[in-house]
N, C-alpha and C. Protein backbone atom coordinates (compact mmCIF):
# COMPACT_ATOMS: atom_id res chain seq x y z
N MET A 1 0.86 -1.19 0.04
CA MET A 1 0.34 0.13 0.09
C MET A 1 0.86 1.08 0.06
N THR A 2 0.91 2.28 -0.88
CA THR A 2 1.66 3.34 -0.87
C THR A 2 0.76 4.43 -0.21
N LYS A 3 1.71 5.21 0.24
CA LYS A 3 0.88 6.49 0.90
C LYS A 3 0.88 7.32 -0.31
N GLN A 4 -0.04 8.16 -0.03
CA GLN A 4 -0.31 9.06 -0.78
C GLN A 4 0.08 10.49 -0.05
N PRO A 5 1.21 11.23 -0.94
CA PRO A 5 1.55 12.65 -0.01
C PRO A 5 0.41 13.52 0.48
N ILE A 6 0.44 14.23 1.36
CA ILE A 6 0.07 15.37 1.92
C ILE A 6 0.25 16.45 0.85
N THR A 7 -0.79 17.36 0.53
CA THR A 7 -0.98 18.43 -0.31
C THR A 7 -0.76 19.53 -0.10
N ARG A 8 0.10 20.32 0.11
CA ARG A 8 -0.11 21.44 0.90
C ARG A 8 -1.60 22.52 0.24
N THR A 9 -2.45 23.35 1.61
CA THR A 9 -3.64 23.90 1.23
C THR A 9 -3.48 25.34 0.18
N THR A 10 -3.95 25.26 -0.45
CA THR A 10 -3.39 26.83 -1.38
C THR A 10 -4.07 27.92 -0.53
N VAL A 11 -3.60 28.76 -1.08
CA VAL A 11 -3.95 30.24 0.18
C VAL A 11 -5.73 30.34 -0.73
N ALA A 12 -5.97 29.91 -1.85
CA ALA A 12 -7.80 30.23 -2.11
C ALA A 12 -8.63 29.30 -1.23
N ASP A 13 -7.93 28.13 -1.03
CA ASP A 13 -8.48 26.90 -0.50
C ASP A 13 -8.65 27.78 1.22
N PHE A 14 -7.73 27.86 1.81
CA PHE A 14 -7.49 28.09 2.82
C PHE A 14 -8.67 29.60 3.00
N ILE A 15 -8.64 30.21 1.99
CA ILE A 15 -9.49 31.32 2.80
C ILE A 15 -10.71 31.14 2.45
N ALA A 16 -11.23 29.97 1.61
CA ALA A 16 -12.54 29.34 1.34
C ALA A 16 -13.02 28.73 2.50
N ASP A 17 -12.02 28.19 2.97
CA ASP A 17 -12.57 27.07 3.83
C ASP A 17 -12.79 27.97 5.25
N ARG A 18 -11.99 28.63 5.59
CA ARG A 18 -12.28 30.03 6.54
C ARG A 18 -13.69 30.64 6.43
N LEU A 19 -13.60 31.36 5.51
CA LEU A 19 -15.24 31.67 4.97
C LEU A 19 -16.39 30.93 5.15
N ALA A 20 -16.22 29.77 5.02
CA ALA A 20 -17.23 28.62 5.03
C ALA A 20 -17.46 29.22 6.58
N ASP A 21 -16.51 28.72 7.47
CA ASP A 21 -16.86 28.52 8.72
C ASP A 21 -17.20 30.05 9.43
N SER A 22 -17.19 30.82 8.86
CA SER A 22 -17.01 32.19 9.90
C SER A 22 -18.59 32.79 9.56
N ASP A 23 -19.09 32.84 10.67
CA ASP A 23 -20.34 33.91 10.37
C ASP A 23 -20.69 34.90 9.91
N LYS A 24 -19.26 35.61 9.70
CA LYS A 24 -19.50 37.02 8.99
C LYS A 24 -19.51 36.93 7.35
N THR A 25 -20.47 37.94 7.02
CA THR A 25 -20.50 38.19 5.35
C THR A 25 -19.06 38.65 5.12
N GLN A 26 -18.99 38.19 3.71
CA GLN A 26 -17.85 38.68 3.02
C GLN A 26 -17.30 40.53 2.95
N ARG A 27 -18.68 41.36 3.04
CA ARG A 27 -18.81 42.48 2.97
C ARG A 27 -18.26 42.78 4.32
N GLU A 28 -18.51 42.16 5.62
CA GLU A 28 -18.01 42.09 6.77
C GLU A 28 -16.52 42.06 7.00
N ILE A 29 -16.00 41.25 6.47
CA ILE A 29 -14.53 40.86 6.25
C ILE A 29 -13.59 41.61 5.42
N ALA A 30 -14.58 42.21 4.61
CA ALA A 30 -13.48 43.07 3.56
C ALA A 30 -13.35 44.61 4.42
N GLU A 31 -14.34 45.12 5.07
CA GLU A 31 -14.72 46.02 5.54
C GLU A 31 -13.75 46.18 6.75
N GLU A 32 -13.40 44.81 7.25
CA GLU A 32 -12.57 44.96 8.32
C GLU A 32 -11.01 44.83 8.00
N CYS A 33 -11.19 44.65 7.05
CA CYS A 33 -9.41 44.37 6.09
C CYS A 33 -9.48 46.18 5.76
N GLY A 34 -10.42 46.41 5.47
CA GLY A 34 -9.89 47.63 4.55
C GLY A 34 -10.32 47.83 3.20
N PHE A 35 -10.63 46.72 2.62
CA PHE A 35 -11.23 47.05 1.29
C PHE A 35 -12.33 47.65 0.83
N GLU A 36 -12.23 48.06 0.12
CA GLU A 36 -13.52 49.50 -0.62
C GLU A 36 -14.36 48.13 -1.28
N LYS A 37 -14.19 47.04 -1.75
CA LYS A 37 -15.37 46.49 -2.68
C LYS A 37 -14.92 44.87 -2.02
N PRO A 38 -16.38 44.23 -1.66
CA PRO A 38 -16.35 42.98 -0.63
C PRO A 38 -15.96 42.00 -2.28
N ASN A 39 -16.60 42.27 -3.53
CA ASN A 39 -15.93 41.29 -4.16
C ASN A 39 -14.66 40.77 -4.22
N ILE A 40 -13.36 40.91 -3.83
CA ILE A 40 -11.73 41.33 -3.73
C ILE A 40 -11.80 39.89 -2.72
N ILE A 41 -12.75 39.67 -1.47
CA ILE A 41 -12.97 38.17 -0.81
C ILE A 41 -13.34 37.26 -1.46
N THR A 42 -14.13 37.38 -2.68
CA THR A 42 -14.34 36.32 -3.76
C THR A 42 -12.96 35.82 -4.99
N MET A 43 -12.55 37.20 -4.80
CA MET A 43 -10.99 37.06 -6.01
C MET A 43 -10.09 36.10 -4.67
N PHE A 44 -10.38 36.55 -4.02
CA PHE A 44 -8.85 35.63 -2.99
C PHE A 44 -9.49 34.08 -2.97
N LYS A 45 -10.71 33.81 -2.51
CA LYS A 45 -11.52 32.70 -2.43
C LYS A 45 -11.31 32.06 -3.66
N ASN A 46 -11.67 32.53 -4.65
CA ASN A 46 -11.16 31.59 -5.88
C ASN A 46 -10.10 31.75 -6.62
N GLY A 47 -8.99 32.36 -6.12
CA GLY A 47 -7.59 32.02 -6.77
C GLY A 47 -7.55 33.00 -7.65
N ALA A 48 -8.52 33.87 -8.14
CA ALA A 48 -8.13 34.78 -9.08
C ALA A 48 -7.09 36.17 -9.03
N THR A 49 -7.16 36.61 -7.46
CA THR A 49 -6.58 37.53 -6.94
C THR A 49 -5.54 37.00 -5.98
N LYS A 50 -4.40 37.56 -5.46
CA LYS A 50 -3.26 37.08 -5.02
C LYS A 50 -3.53 38.26 -3.72
N LEU A 51 -3.60 37.46 -2.33
CA LEU A 51 -3.84 38.00 -0.89
C LEU A 51 -2.48 38.90 -1.29
N PRO A 52 -2.49 40.59 -1.18
CA PRO A 52 -1.52 41.15 -0.76
C PRO A 52 -1.06 40.99 0.87
N ILE A 53 0.66 40.73 0.86
CA ILE A 53 1.06 40.96 1.83
C ILE A 53 0.79 41.53 3.19
N ASN A 54 0.55 42.76 3.12
CA ASN A 54 0.42 43.94 3.43
C ASN A 54 -1.15 43.38 4.79
N ARG A 55 -1.93 42.71 3.81
CA ARG A 55 -3.32 42.63 4.50
C ARG A 55 -3.51 41.02 4.75
N ILE A 56 -2.37 40.48 4.96
CA ILE A 56 -2.15 38.73 5.74
C ILE A 56 -3.08 38.95 7.08
N GLY A 57 -2.69 40.15 8.16
CA GLY A 57 -2.63 39.92 9.33
C GLY A 57 -4.08 40.55 9.42
N PRO A 58 -5.00 41.58 8.55
CA PRO A 58 -5.95 41.77 8.49
C PRO A 58 -6.89 40.63 8.27
N LEU A 59 -6.52 40.20 7.60
CA LEU A 59 -7.64 39.14 7.06
C LEU A 59 -7.30 37.80 7.71
N ALA A 60 -6.22 37.71 8.35
CA ALA A 60 -6.34 36.50 9.31
C ALA A 60 -7.13 36.63 10.37
N LYS A 61 -7.04 37.87 10.95
CA LYS A 61 -7.76 38.42 12.58
C LYS A 61 -9.00 38.44 11.74
N ALA A 62 -9.75 38.79 10.78
CA ALA A 62 -11.30 39.02 10.40
C ALA A 62 -11.68 37.53 10.32
N LEU A 63 -10.61 36.47 10.12
CA LEU A 63 -11.27 35.20 9.41
C LEU A 63 -10.97 34.28 11.14
N ASN A 64 -10.37 34.57 12.01
CA ASN A 64 -10.48 33.96 12.98
C ASN A 64 -9.26 32.93 12.85
N ALA A 65 -8.17 33.48 12.07
CA ALA A 65 -7.33 32.01 11.73
C ALA A 65 -5.84 32.79 12.46
N ASP A 66 -4.68 32.03 12.29
CA ASP A 66 -3.53 32.09 12.82
C ASP A 66 -2.78 33.27 11.78
N PRO A 67 -2.22 34.46 11.84
CA PRO A 67 -1.24 35.04 10.80
C PRO A 67 -0.37 34.09 10.47
N ALA A 68 0.73 33.71 11.14
CA ALA A 68 1.64 32.93 10.71
C ALA A 68 1.59 31.69 9.69
N HIS A 69 0.46 31.39 10.04
CA HIS A 69 0.20 30.06 9.39
C HIS A 69 0.11 30.88 7.53
N LEU A 70 -1.05 31.96 7.60
CA LEU A 70 -1.44 32.44 6.62
C LEU A 70 -0.11 33.05 5.94
N LEU A 71 0.39 33.67 6.59
CA LEU A 71 1.81 33.98 5.91
C LEU A 71 2.51 33.24 5.15
N ARG A 72 2.96 32.01 6.12
CA ARG A 72 3.50 30.73 5.63
C ARG A 72 2.90 30.28 4.16
N LEU A 73 1.67 30.19 3.97
CA LEU A 73 1.00 29.80 2.91
C LEU A 73 0.80 30.78 1.63
N VAL A 74 0.89 32.42 1.99
CA VAL A 74 0.85 33.05 1.14
C VAL A 74 2.23 33.05 0.33
N MET A 75 3.54 32.88 1.50
CA MET A 75 4.85 32.92 0.92
C MET A 75 5.02 31.96 -0.14
N ALA A 76 5.01 30.76 0.51
CA ALA A 76 4.90 29.36 -0.08
C ALA A 76 4.32 29.35 -1.45
N GLU A 77 3.12 29.88 -1.61
CA GLU A 77 2.68 29.90 -2.83
C GLU A 77 3.05 30.92 -3.87
N TYR A 78 3.31 31.92 -3.21
CA TYR A 78 3.42 33.31 -4.27
C TYR A 78 5.07 33.41 -4.68
N PHE A 79 5.62 33.41 -3.37
CA PHE A 79 7.44 33.40 -3.36
C PHE A 79 8.05 32.83 -2.88
N PRO A 80 7.76 31.10 -3.61
CA PRO A 80 8.42 30.15 -3.13
C PRO A 80 10.44 30.18 -2.80
N ASP A 81 10.69 30.75 -4.02
CA ASP A 81 11.96 30.98 -3.89
C ASP A 81 12.71 32.14 -2.60
N THR A 82 11.68 32.97 -3.07
CA THR A 82 12.28 34.14 -1.65
C THR A 82 11.86 33.60 -0.23
N TRP A 83 10.75 32.95 -0.10
CA TRP A 83 10.59 32.28 1.21
C TRP A 83 11.41 31.13 1.49
N VAL A 84 11.97 30.57 0.69
CA VAL A 84 13.34 29.53 0.89
C VAL A 84 14.20 30.24 1.44
N ASP A 85 14.75 31.25 1.15
CA ASP A 85 16.03 31.86 0.97
C ASP A 85 15.50 32.90 2.36
N ILE A 86 14.47 33.35 2.48
CA ILE A 86 14.19 34.06 3.88
C ILE A 86 14.47 33.36 5.39
N GLU A 87 13.99 31.79 4.48
CA GLU A 87 14.22 30.82 6.17
C GLU A 87 15.55 30.63 6.45
N ASN A 88 16.43 30.18 4.90
CA ASN A 88 17.85 29.99 5.12
C ASN A 88 18.40 31.02 5.87
N ILE A 89 18.16 32.29 5.44
CA ILE A 89 18.88 33.30 6.02
C ILE A 89 18.90 33.43 7.58
N MET A 90 17.62 33.01 8.18
CA MET A 90 17.17 33.56 9.17
C MET A 90 17.18 32.35 10.30
N GLN A 91 17.39 30.97 9.27
CA GLN A 91 17.92 30.00 10.09
C GLN A 91 16.52 29.61 11.23
N SER A 92 15.50 29.69 10.32
CA SER A 92 14.86 29.53 11.14
C SER A 92 13.16 29.72 10.34
N THR A 93 11.97 29.22 10.78
CA THR A 93 11.13 29.12 10.18
C THR A 93 9.92 30.35 10.94
N VAL A 94 8.93 30.34 10.35
CA VAL A 94 7.56 31.04 11.07
C VAL A 94 6.37 30.07 11.47
N LEU A 95 6.56 30.01 12.93
CA LEU A 95 5.56 29.15 13.21
C LEU A 95 4.19 29.63 13.78
N SER A 96 2.94 28.96 13.79
CA SER A 96 2.11 29.20 14.08
C SER A 96 1.97 29.28 15.54
N ALA A 97 0.72 29.33 16.47
CA ALA A 97 0.44 28.91 17.63
C ALA A 97 0.38 27.99 17.68
N ASN A 98 -0.12 27.00 17.32
CA ASN A 98 -0.03 25.56 17.32
C ASN A 98 1.46 25.22 17.36
N GLU A 99 2.12 25.35 16.86
CA GLU A 99 3.28 24.82 16.38
C GLU A 99 4.05 25.37 17.10
N LEU A 100 4.31 26.40 17.55
CA LEU A 100 4.79 26.94 18.82
C LEU A 100 4.44 26.21 20.28
N GLU A 101 3.06 25.81 20.60
CA GLU A 101 2.80 24.85 21.52
C GLU A 101 3.71 23.59 21.68
N LEU A 102 3.78 23.11 20.50
CA LEU A 102 4.27 21.59 20.32
C LEU A 102 5.74 22.18 20.44
N VAL A 103 6.50 22.98 19.99
CA VAL A 103 7.40 23.38 20.30
C VAL A 103 8.28 23.41 21.61
N ARG A 104 7.22 24.36 22.43
CA ARG A 104 7.26 24.66 23.81
C ARG A 104 7.10 23.17 24.44
N ALA A 105 6.12 22.44 24.26
CA ALA A 105 6.34 21.11 24.86
C ALA A 105 7.38 20.11 24.97
N TYR A 106 7.81 20.21 23.71
CA TYR A 106 9.14 19.65 23.14
C TYR A 106 10.45 19.80 24.00
N ARG A 107 10.53 21.23 24.37
CA ARG A 107 11.65 21.96 24.79
C ARG A 107 11.22 21.50 26.28
N GLN A 108 9.75 21.25 26.99
CA GLN A 108 9.84 21.04 28.05
C GLN A 108 10.30 19.74 28.77
N MET A 109 9.75 18.67 27.52
CA MET A 109 9.76 17.10 27.70
C MET A 109 11.45 16.90 27.74
N THR A 110 12.11 17.58 26.62
CA THR A 110 13.41 17.49 26.88
C THR A 110 14.27 17.94 27.89
N GLY A 111 13.81 18.84 29.18
CA GLY A 111 14.62 19.96 29.62
C GLY A 111 15.12 20.67 29.15
N ASP A 112 14.83 21.22 27.88
CA ASP A 112 15.35 22.12 27.07
C ASP A 112 16.36 21.82 26.66
N ASN A 113 17.35 20.63 26.27
CA ASN A 113 18.66 20.40 26.22
C ASN A 113 18.68 20.16 24.85
N ASP A 114 18.47 20.78 24.18
CA ASP A 114 18.68 20.32 22.70
C ASP A 114 18.58 19.03 21.95
N ALA A 115 17.49 18.31 22.49
CA ALA A 115 17.95 17.15 22.17
C ALA A 115 17.41 16.59 20.79
N VAL A 116 18.43 15.61 20.19
CA VAL A 116 17.77 14.92 18.83
C VAL A 116 16.69 14.38 18.32
N PRO A 117 15.59 14.87 18.04
CA PRO A 117 14.17 14.10 17.83
C PRO A 117 14.22 13.13 17.03
N VAL A 118 13.52 12.08 17.26
CA VAL A 118 13.38 10.96 16.52
C VAL A 118 11.82 11.34 16.13
N VAL A 119 11.56 11.25 14.76
CA VAL A 119 10.15 11.37 14.30
C VAL A 119 9.79 10.21 13.48
N ILE A 120 8.46 9.96 14.07
CA ILE A 120 7.57 8.31 13.69
C ILE A 120 6.39 9.02 13.20
N ASN A 121 6.36 8.65 11.81
CA ASN A 121 4.92 8.99 10.99
C ASN A 121 4.37 7.96 11.22
N ARG A 122 3.00 7.72 11.53
CA ARG A 122 2.31 6.80 11.41
C ARG A 122 0.64 7.02 11.22
N ASP A 123 0.57 7.49 9.44
CA ASP A 123 -0.86 7.74 9.38
C ASP A 123 -1.32 8.90 10.04
N ALA A 124 -0.49 9.76 10.18
CA ALA A 124 -1.53 11.36 10.65
C ALA A 124 -1.07 11.40 12.40
N VAL A 125 -0.12 10.68 12.52
CA VAL A 125 0.01 10.49 13.92
C VAL A 125 1.32 10.68 14.40
N ILE A 126 1.92 11.48 14.72
CA ILE A 126 3.35 11.98 14.69
C ILE A 126 4.12 11.68 16.48
N ALA A 127 4.75 10.94 16.57
CA ALA A 127 5.48 10.97 17.81
C ALA A 127 6.62 11.14 17.72
N ILE A 128 7.16 12.22 18.80
CA ILE A 128 8.55 12.38 18.83
C ILE A 128 9.05 12.19 20.09
N VAL A 129 10.03 11.05 20.01
CA VAL A 129 11.03 10.71 21.09
C VAL A 129 12.30 11.30 21.19
N ALA A 130 12.49 11.98 22.15
CA ALA A 130 13.68 12.84 22.32
C ALA A 130 15.04 11.66 22.74
N ALA A 131 15.89 11.58 21.68
CA ALA A 131 17.02 10.63 21.87
C ALA A 131 18.40 11.53 23.14
């Protein structure tokens, strides 16, 4: 049995999913983000227009989403080479709040000793063993 690779969520799909989960109208979201016309939200949702970087924070807030996660999606999709270069220069990556919680738990479990992890992936369940 061959495992199917997990595909990255597109920015358009992410926005569409968050809109579907929101009780706000697209007009309300557009207003919260400072857009004059609400159809821009539809254009983001359909992938017809790229989300401007300076609107990631306001849109994430309006959609009750993690801005760091949306930033990573935008950069990886729109500017993949630039994003790789930024992460290489920074020698780090941007973590969502959920990922940061995982890192903090790992540090606590390992006594913050920079332990080398052994990652075991079993069908969407990941165990990290501090060696």
